[in-house]
PDB file of all heavy atoms in Angstrom:
ATOM      1  N   ASN A   1      -8.378 -45.021  -8.568  1.00  0.00           N
ATOM      2  CA  ASN A   1      -8.911 -45.282  -7.233  1.00  0.00           C
ATOM      3  C   ASN A   1     -10.296 -45.983  -7.275  1.00  0.00           C
ATOM      4  O   ASN A   1     -10.890 -46.189  -6.247  1.00  0.00           O
ATOM      5  CB  ASN A   1      -9.007 -43.975  -6.419  1.00  0.00           C
ATOM      6  CG  ASN A   1      -7.624 -43.544  -5.943  1.00  0.00           C
ATOM      7  OD1 ASN A   1      -6.792 -44.354  -5.516  1.00  0.00           O
ATOM      8  ND2 ASN A   1      -7.335 -42.256  -6.075  1.00  0.00           N
ATOM      9  N   GLY A   2     -10.775 -46.271  -8.498  1.00  0.00           N
ATOM     10  CA  GLY A   2     -11.993 -47.049  -8.613  1.00  0.00           C
ATOM     11  C   GLY A   2     -13.304 -46.272  -8.662  1.00  0.00           C
ATOM     12  O   GLY A   2     -14.361 -46.855  -8.719  1.00  0.00           O
ATOM     13  N   ASP A   3     -13.218 -44.947  -8.665  1.00  0.00           N
ATOM     14  CA  ASP A   3     -14.444 -44.121  -8.709  1.00  0.00           C
ATOM     15  C   ASP A   3     -14.733 -43.752 -10.205  1.00  0.00           C
ATOM     16  O   ASP A   3     -14.400 -42.661 -10.629  1.00  0.00           O
ATOM     17  CB  ASP A   3     -14.301 -42.867  -7.862  1.00  0.00           C
ATOM     18  CG  ASP A   3     -15.605 -42.136  -7.660  1.00  0.00           C
ATOM     19  OD1 ASP A   3     -16.584 -42.432  -8.405  1.00  0.00           O
ATOM     20  OD2 ASP A   3     -15.688 -41.258  -6.772  1.00  0.00           O
ATOM     21  N   TYR A   4     -15.302 -44.700 -10.942  1.00  0.00           N
ATOM     22  CA  TYR A   4     -15.469 -44.530 -12.357  1.00  0.00           C
ATOM     23  C   TYR A   4     -16.466 -43.445 -12.732  1.00  0.00           C
ATOM     24  O   TYR A   4     -16.254 -42.722 -13.727  1.00  0.00           O
ATOM     25  CB  TYR A   4     -15.833 -45.887 -13.014  1.00  0.00           C
ATOM     26  CG  TYR A   4     -14.859 -46.966 -12.643  1.00  0.00           C
ATOM     27  CD1 TYR A   4     -15.274 -48.126 -11.992  1.00  0.00           C
ATOM     28  CD2 TYR A   4     -13.480 -46.846 -12.915  1.00  0.00           C
ATOM     29  CE1 TYR A   4     -14.364 -49.117 -11.625  1.00  0.00           C
ATOM     30  CE2 TYR A   4     -12.591 -47.816 -12.558  1.00  0.00           C
ATOM     31  CZ  TYR A   4     -13.024 -48.949 -11.908  1.00  0.00           C
ATOM     32  OH  TYR A   4     -12.114 -49.906 -11.560  1.00  0.00           O
ATOM     33  N   GLU A   5     -17.513 -43.319 -11.948  1.00  0.00           N
ATOM     34  CA  GLU A   5     -18.516 -42.285 -12.266  1.00  0.00           C
ATOM     35  C   GLU A   5     -17.900 -40.878 -12.175  1.00  0.00           C
ATOM     36  O   GLU A   5     -18.096 -40.022 -13.044  1.00  0.00           O
ATOM     37  CB  GLU A   5     -19.721 -42.359 -11.290  1.00  0.00           C
ATOM     38  CG  GLU A   5     -20.563 -43.597 -11.440  1.00  0.00           C
ATOM     39  CD  GLU A   5     -21.478 -43.604 -12.690  1.00  0.00           C
ATOM     40  OE1 GLU A   5     -21.493 -42.588 -13.431  1.00  0.00           O
ATOM     41  OE2 GLU A   5     -22.126 -44.617 -12.942  1.00  0.00           O
ATOM     42  N   LYS A   6     -17.118 -40.670 -11.135  1.00  0.00           N
ATOM     43  CA  LYS A   6     -16.447 -39.361 -10.967  1.00  0.00           C
ATOM     44  C   LYS A   6     -15.407 -39.154 -12.034  1.00  0.00           C
ATOM     45  O   LYS A   6     -15.241 -38.029 -12.535  1.00  0.00           O
ATOM     46  CB  LYS A   6     -15.847 -39.278  -9.567  1.00  0.00           C
ATOM     47  CG  LYS A   6     -15.424 -37.891  -9.130  1.00  0.00           C
ATOM     48  CD  LYS A   6     -15.058 -37.837  -7.682  1.00  0.00           C
ATOM     49  CE  LYS A   6     -14.674 -36.448  -7.247  1.00  0.00           C
ATOM     50  NZ  LYS A   6     -14.213 -36.390  -5.872  1.00  0.00           N
ATOM     51  N   ALA A   7     -14.680 -40.210 -12.378  1.00  0.00           N
ATOM     52  CA  ALA A   7     -13.692 -40.113 -13.466  1.00  0.00           C
ATOM     53  C   ALA A   7     -14.331 -39.672 -14.756  1.00  0.00           C
ATOM     54  O   ALA A   7     -13.835 -38.797 -15.478  1.00  0.00           O
ATOM     55  CB  ALA A   7     -12.966 -41.442 -13.647  1.00  0.00           C
ATOM     56  N   ALA A   8     -15.504 -40.245 -15.059  1.00  0.00           N
ATOM     57  CA  ALA A   8     -16.256 -39.914 -16.286  1.00  0.00           C
ATOM     58  C   ALA A   8     -16.591 -38.422 -16.280  1.00  0.00           C
ATOM     59  O   ALA A   8     -16.514 -37.762 -17.343  1.00  0.00           O
ATOM     60  CB  ALA A   8     -17.512 -40.765 -16.403  1.00  0.00           C
ATOM     61  N   GLU A   9     -16.937 -37.867 -15.136  1.00  0.00           N
ATOM     62  CA  GLU A   9     -17.265 -36.434 -15.060  1.00  0.00           C
ATOM     63  C   GLU A   9     -16.070 -35.586 -15.395  1.00  0.00           C
ATOM     64  O   GLU A   9     -16.209 -34.561 -16.098  1.00  0.00           O
ATOM     65  CB  GLU A   9     -17.792 -36.075 -13.641  1.00  0.00           C
ATOM     66  CG  GLU A   9     -19.159 -36.645 -13.337  1.00  0.00           C
ATOM     67  CD  GLU A   9     -20.215 -36.270 -14.380  1.00  0.00           C
ATOM     68  OE1 GLU A   9     -20.276 -35.119 -14.784  1.00  0.00           O
ATOM     69  OE2 GLU A   9     -20.950 -37.208 -14.806  1.00  0.00           O
ATOM     70  N   PHE A  10     -14.899 -35.948 -14.914  1.00  0.00           N
ATOM     71  CA  PHE A  10     -13.687 -35.163 -15.242  1.00  0.00           C
ATOM     72  C   PHE A  10     -13.353 -35.251 -16.744  1.00  0.00           C
ATOM     73  O   PHE A  10     -13.005 -34.258 -17.357  1.00  0.00           O
ATOM     74  CB  PHE A  10     -12.489 -35.621 -14.400  1.00  0.00           C
ATOM     75  CG  PHE A  10     -12.458 -35.066 -13.015  1.00  0.00           C
ATOM     76  CD1 PHE A  10     -12.732 -35.893 -11.913  1.00  0.00           C
ATOM     77  CD2 PHE A  10     -12.258 -33.713 -12.763  1.00  0.00           C
ATOM     78  CE1 PHE A  10     -12.761 -35.380 -10.640  1.00  0.00           C
ATOM     79  CE2 PHE A  10     -12.263 -33.175 -11.485  1.00  0.00           C
ATOM     80  CZ  PHE A  10     -12.520 -34.027 -10.406  1.00  0.00           C
ATOM     81  N   TYR A  11     -13.479 -36.457 -17.320  1.00  0.00           N
ATOM     82  CA  TYR A  11     -13.224 -36.611 -18.772  1.00  0.00           C
ATOM     83  C   TYR A  11     -14.213 -35.785 -19.583  1.00  0.00           C
ATOM     84  O   TYR A  11     -13.831 -35.119 -20.548  1.00  0.00           O
ATOM     85  CB  TYR A  11     -13.273 -38.064 -19.180  1.00  0.00           C
ATOM     86  CG  TYR A  11     -12.243 -38.953 -18.504  1.00  0.00           C
ATOM     87  CD1 TYR A  11     -12.575 -40.218 -18.030  1.00  0.00           C
ATOM     88  CD2 TYR A  11     -10.926 -38.527 -18.297  1.00  0.00           C
ATOM     89  CE1 TYR A  11     -11.626 -41.028 -17.397  1.00  0.00           C
ATOM     90  CE2 TYR A  11      -9.997 -39.313 -17.701  1.00  0.00           C
ATOM     91  CZ  TYR A  11     -10.346 -40.577 -17.228  1.00  0.00           C
ATOM     92  OH  TYR A  11      -9.409 -41.362 -16.610  1.00  0.00           O
ATOM     93  N   LYS A  12     -15.491 -35.799 -19.135  1.00  0.00           N
ATOM     94  CA  LYS A  12     -16.507 -35.019 -19.893  1.00  0.00           C
ATOM     95  C   LYS A  12     -16.206 -33.528 -19.785  1.00  0.00           C
ATOM     96  O   LYS A  12     -16.405 -32.801 -20.747  1.00  0.00           O
ATOM     97  CB  LYS A  12     -17.929 -35.369 -19.399  1.00  0.00           C
ATOM     98  CG  LYS A  12     -18.409 -36.724 -19.832  1.00  0.00           C
ATOM     99  CD  LYS A  12     -19.851 -36.933 -19.579  1.00  0.00           C
ATOM    100  CE  LYS A  12     -20.063 -37.525 -18.210  1.00  0.00           C
ATOM    101  NZ  LYS A  12     -21.441 -37.992 -17.965  1.00  0.00           N
ATOM    102  N   GLU A  13     -15.772 -33.081 -18.605  1.00  0.00           N
ATOM    103  CA  GLU A  13     -15.449 -31.690 -18.432  1.00  0.00           C
ATOM    104  C   GLU A  13     -14.240 -31.300 -19.315  1.00  0.00           C
ATOM    105  O   GLU A  13     -14.220 -30.245 -19.946  1.00  0.00           O
ATOM    106  CB  GLU A  13     -15.145 -31.367 -16.992  1.00  0.00           C
ATOM    107  CG  GLU A  13     -15.005 -29.879 -16.711  1.00  0.00           C
ATOM    108  CD  GLU A  13     -14.798 -29.515 -15.237  1.00  0.00           C
ATOM    109  OE1 GLU A  13     -15.035 -30.361 -14.352  1.00  0.00           O
ATOM    110  OE2 GLU A  13     -14.378 -28.375 -14.963  1.00  0.00           O
ATOM    111  N   ALA A  14     -13.262 -32.194 -19.393  1.00  0.00           N
ATOM    112  CA  ALA A  14     -12.087 -31.944 -20.294  1.00  0.00           C
ATOM    113  C   ALA A  14     -12.560 -31.801 -21.734  1.00  0.00           C
ATOM    114  O   ALA A  14     -12.127 -30.915 -22.467  1.00  0.00           O
ATOM    115  CB  ALA A  14     -11.097 -33.080 -20.141  1.00  0.00           C
ATOM    116  N   LEU A  15     -13.528 -32.639 -22.161  1.00  0.00           N
ATOM    117  CA  LEU A  15     -14.032 -32.586 -23.520  1.00  0.00           C
ATOM    118  C   LEU A  15     -14.892 -31.348 -23.751  1.00  0.00           C
ATOM    119  O   LEU A  15     -14.906 -30.831 -24.887  1.00  0.00           O
ATOM    120  CB  LEU A  15     -14.849 -33.860 -23.803  1.00  0.00           C
ATOM    121  CG  LEU A  15     -14.000 -35.112 -24.024  1.00  0.00           C
ATOM    122  CD1 LEU A  15     -14.860 -36.363 -23.929  1.00  0.00           C
ATOM    123  CD2 LEU A  15     -13.233 -35.056 -25.328  1.00  0.00           C
ATOM    124  N   ARG A  16     -15.564 -30.855 -22.737  1.00  0.00           N
ATOM    125  CA  ARG A  16     -16.348 -29.625 -22.883  1.00  0.00           C
ATOM    126  C   ARG A  16     -15.354 -28.449 -23.125  1.00  0.00           C
ATOM    127  O   ARG A  16     -15.673 -27.523 -23.859  1.00  0.00           O
ATOM    128  CB  ARG A  16     -17.194 -29.332 -21.650  1.00  0.00           C
ATOM    129  CG  ARG A  16     -18.485 -30.156 -21.658  1.00  0.00           C
ATOM    130  CD  ARG A  16     -19.481 -29.617 -20.597  1.00  0.00           C
ATOM    131  NE  ARG A  16     -19.000 -29.818 -19.236  1.00  0.00           N
ATOM    132  CZ  ARG A  16     -19.148 -30.916 -18.509  1.00  0.00           C
ATOM    133  NH1 ARG A  16     -19.817 -31.945 -19.013  1.00  0.00           N
ATOM    134  NH2 ARG A  16     -18.718 -30.987 -17.282  1.00  0.00           N
ATOM    135  N   ASN A  17     -14.193 -28.519 -22.502  1.00  0.00           N
ATOM    136  CA  ASN A  17     -13.188 -27.435 -22.652  1.00  0.00           C
ATOM    137  C   ASN A  17     -12.414 -27.576 -23.988  1.00  0.00           C
ATOM    138  O   ASN A  17     -11.954 -26.567 -24.516  1.00  0.00           O
ATOM    139  CB  ASN A  17     -12.217 -27.416 -21.477  1.00  0.00           C
ATOM    140  CG  ASN A  17     -12.912 -27.013 -20.198  1.00  0.00           C
ATOM    141  OD1 ASN A  17     -13.891 -26.289 -20.225  1.00  0.00           O
ATOM    142  ND2 ASN A  17     -12.405 -27.496 -19.073  1.00  0.00           N
ATOM    143  N   ASP A  18     -12.249 -28.820 -24.436  1.00  0.00           N
ATOM    144  CA  ASP A  18     -11.542 -29.056 -25.705  1.00  0.00           C
ATOM    145  C   ASP A  18     -12.086 -30.332 -26.322  1.00  0.00           C
ATOM    146  O   ASP A  18     -11.703 -31.442 -25.906  1.00  0.00           O
ATOM    147  CB  ASP A  18     -10.039 -29.165 -25.448  1.00  0.00           C
ATOM    148  CG  ASP A  18      -9.249 -29.449 -26.717  1.00  0.00           C
ATOM    149  OD1 ASP A  18      -9.864 -29.456 -27.821  1.00  0.00           O
ATOM    150  OD2 ASP A  18      -8.036 -29.640 -26.641  1.00  0.00           O
ATOM    151  N   SER A  19     -12.979 -30.174 -27.273  1.00  0.00           N
ATOM    152  CA  SER A  19     -13.623 -31.362 -27.866  1.00  0.00           C
ATOM    153  C   SER A  19     -12.671 -32.284 -28.631  1.00  0.00           C
ATOM    154  O   SER A  19     -12.994 -33.387 -28.955  1.00  0.00           O
ATOM    155  CB  SER A  19     -14.753 -30.940 -28.770  1.00  0.00           C
ATOM    156  OG  SER A  19     -14.274 -30.131 -29.815  1.00  0.00           O
ATOM    157  N   SER A  20     -11.442 -31.779 -28.908  1.00  0.00           N
ATOM    158  CA  SER A  20     -10.482 -32.598 -29.641  1.00  0.00           C
ATOM    159  C   SER A  20      -9.490 -33.279 -28.718  1.00  0.00           C
ATOM    160  O   SER A  20      -8.487 -33.806 -29.151  1.00  0.00           O
ATOM    161  CB  SER A  20      -9.728 -31.728 -30.677  1.00  0.00           C
ATOM    162  OG  SER A  20      -8.928 -30.778 -30.000  1.00  0.00           O
ATOM    163  N   CYS A  21      -9.772 -33.277 -27.409  1.00  0.00           N
ATOM    164  CA  CYS A  21      -8.860 -33.936 -26.468  1.00  0.00           C
ATOM    165  C   CYS A  21      -9.029 -35.445 -26.546  1.00  0.00           C
ATOM    166  O   CYS A  21      -9.915 -36.033 -25.897  1.00  0.00           O
ATOM    167  CB  CYS A  21      -9.129 -33.425 -25.032  1.00  0.00           C
ATOM    168  SG  CYS A  21      -8.001 -34.110 -23.821  1.00  0.00           S
ATOM    169  N   THR A  22      -8.201 -36.073 -27.381  1.00  0.00           N
ATOM    170  CA  THR A  22      -8.352 -37.504 -27.643  1.00  0.00           C
ATOM    171  C   THR A  22      -8.110 -38.376 -26.425  1.00  0.00           C
ATOM    172  O   THR A  22      -8.750 -39.425 -26.261  1.00  0.00           O
ATOM    173  CB  THR A  22      -7.439 -37.966 -28.800  1.00  0.00           C
ATOM    174  OG1 THR A  22      -6.103 -37.558 -28.518  1.00  0.00           O
ATOM    175  CG2 THR A  22      -7.868 -37.321 -30.117  1.00  0.00           C
ATOM    176  N   GLU A  23      -7.200 -37.940 -25.532  1.00  0.00           N
ATOM    177  CA  GLU A  23      -6.942 -38.714 -24.339  1.00  0.00           C
ATOM    178  C   GLU A  23      -8.187 -38.798 -23.448  1.00  0.00           C
ATOM    179  O   GLU A  23      -8.526 -39.877 -22.938  1.00  0.00           O
ATOM    180  CB  GLU A  23      -5.788 -38.117 -23.528  1.00  0.00           C
ATOM    181  CG  GLU A  23      -4.442 -38.149 -24.191  1.00  0.00           C
ATOM    182  CD  GLU A  23      -4.194 -36.943 -25.102  1.00  0.00           C
ATOM    183  OE1 GLU A  23      -5.124 -36.112 -25.268  1.00  0.00           O
ATOM    184  OE2 GLU A  23      -3.094 -36.836 -25.673  1.00  0.00           O
ATOM    185  N   ALA A  24      -8.873 -37.689 -23.303  1.00  0.00           N
ATOM    186  CA  ALA A  24     -10.093 -37.672 -22.461  1.00  0.00           C
ATOM    187  C   ALA A  24     -11.164 -38.543 -23.108  1.00  0.00           C
ATOM    188  O   ALA A  24     -11.840 -39.334 -22.435  1.00  0.00           O
ATOM    189  CB  ALA A  24     -10.604 -36.256 -22.294  1.00  0.00           C
ATOM    190  N   LEU A  25     -11.294 -38.482 -24.433  1.00  0.00           N
ATOM    191  CA  LEU A  25     -12.322 -39.285 -25.128  1.00  0.00           C
ATOM    192  C   LEU A  25     -12.010 -40.753 -25.026  1.00  0.00           C
ATOM    193  O   LEU A  25     -12.902 -41.577 -24.749  1.00  0.00           O
ATOM    194  CB  LEU A  25     -12.419 -38.823 -26.612  1.00  0.00           C
ATOM    195  CG  LEU A  25     -13.572 -39.396 -27.431  1.00  0.00           C
ATOM    196  CD1 LEU A  25     -14.911 -39.174 -26.780  1.00  0.00           C
ATOM    197  CD2 LEU A  25     -13.528 -38.817 -28.836  1.00  0.00           C
ATOM    198  N   TYR A  26     -10.754 -41.148 -25.177  1.00  0.00           N
ATOM    199  CA  TYR A  26     -10.335 -42.539 -25.062  1.00  0.00           C
ATOM    200  C   TYR A  26     -10.613 -43.040 -23.642  1.00  0.00           C
ATOM    201  O   TYR A  26     -11.214 -44.115 -23.432  1.00  0.00           O
ATOM    202  CB  TYR A  26      -8.846 -42.702 -25.386  1.00  0.00           C
ATOM    203  CG  TYR A  26      -8.363 -44.126 -25.461  1.00  0.00           C
ATOM    204  CD1 TYR A  26      -8.446 -44.837 -26.640  1.00  0.00           C
ATOM    205  CD2 TYR A  26      -7.875 -44.748 -24.323  1.00  0.00           C
ATOM    206  CE1 TYR A  26      -8.014 -46.181 -26.726  1.00  0.00           C
ATOM    207  CE2 TYR A  26      -7.451 -46.085 -24.405  1.00  0.00           C
ATOM    208  CZ  TYR A  26      -7.545 -46.791 -25.566  1.00  0.00           C
ATOM    209  OH  TYR A  26      -7.105 -48.079 -25.635  1.00  0.00           O
ATOM    210  N   ASN A  27     -10.197 -42.244 -22.636  1.00  0.00           N
ATOM    211  CA  ASN A  27     -10.384 -42.673 -21.262  1.00  0.00           C
ATOM    212  C   ASN A  27     -11.835 -42.715 -20.847  1.00  0.00           C
ATOM    213  O   ASN A  27     -12.260 -43.530 -20.025  1.00  0.00           O
ATOM    214  CB  ASN A  27      -9.561 -41.778 -20.329  1.00  0.00           C
ATOM    215  CG  ASN A  27      -8.055 -41.967 -20.495  1.00  0.00           C
ATOM    216  OD1 ASN A  27      -7.619 -42.858 -21.198  1.00  0.00           O
ATOM    217  ND2 ASN A  27      -7.282 -41.117 -19.869  1.00  0.00           N
ATOM    218  N   LEU A  28     -12.633 -41.808 -21.433  1.00  0.00           N
ATOM    219  CA  LEU A  28     -14.090 -41.842 -21.161  1.00  0.00           C
ATOM    220  C   LEU A  28     -14.664 -43.155 -21.709  1.00  0.00           C
ATOM    221  O   LEU A  28     -15.501 -43.797 -21.046  1.00  0.00           O
ATOM    222  CB  LEU A  28     -14.771 -40.645 -21.805  1.00  0.00           C
ATOM    223  CG  LEU A  28     -16.289 -40.532 -21.559  1.00  0.00           C
ATOM    224  CD1 LEU A  28     -16.617 -40.416 -20.107  1.00  0.00           C
ATOM    225  CD2 LEU A  28     -16.847 -39.308 -22.315  1.00  0.00           C
ATOM    226  N   GLY A  29     -14.208 -43.556 -22.905  1.00  0.00           N
ATOM    227  CA  GLY A  29     -14.638 -44.834 -23.481  1.00  0.00           C
ATOM    228  C   GLY A  29     -14.294 -45.985 -22.558  1.00  0.00           C
ATOM    229  O   GLY A  29     -15.099 -46.893 -22.296  1.00  0.00           O
ATOM    230  N   LEU A  30     -13.055 -45.994 -22.040  1.00  0.00           N
ATOM    231  CA  LEU A  30     -12.637 -47.063 -21.116  1.00  0.00           C
ATOM    232  C   LEU A  30     -13.447 -47.035 -19.834  1.00  0.00           C
ATOM    233  O   LEU A  30     -13.792 -48.085 -19.280  1.00  0.00           O
ATOM    234  CB  LEU A  30     -11.144 -46.892 -20.753  1.00  0.00           C
ATOM    235  CG  LEU A  30     -10.114 -47.166 -21.852  1.00  0.00           C
ATOM    236  CD1 LEU A  30      -8.701 -46.965 -21.294  1.00  0.00           C
ATOM    237  CD2 LEU A  30     -10.254 -48.597 -22.400  1.00  0.00           C
ATOM    238  N   THR A  31     -13.794 -45.833 -19.351  1.00  0.00           N
ATOM    239  CA  THR A  31     -14.588 -45.709 -18.158  1.00  0.00           C
ATOM    240  C   THR A  31     -15.977 -46.284 -18.358  1.00  0.00           C
ATOM    241  O   THR A  31     -16.481 -47.029 -17.518  1.00  0.00           O
ATOM    242  CB  THR A  31     -14.682 -44.244 -17.719  1.00  0.00           C
ATOM    243  OG1 THR A  31     -13.348 -43.699 -17.590  1.00  0.00           O
ATOM    244  CG2 THR A  31     -15.381 -44.093 -16.413  1.00  0.00           C
TER     245      THR A  31
END
């Protein structure tokens, strides 16, 4: 939906819960 700042927050929260979540890390990089 184009809200990249908010998307980054969700990816960072996913990584805080599981630092090995590669999907979140990849998507955070894209964001």
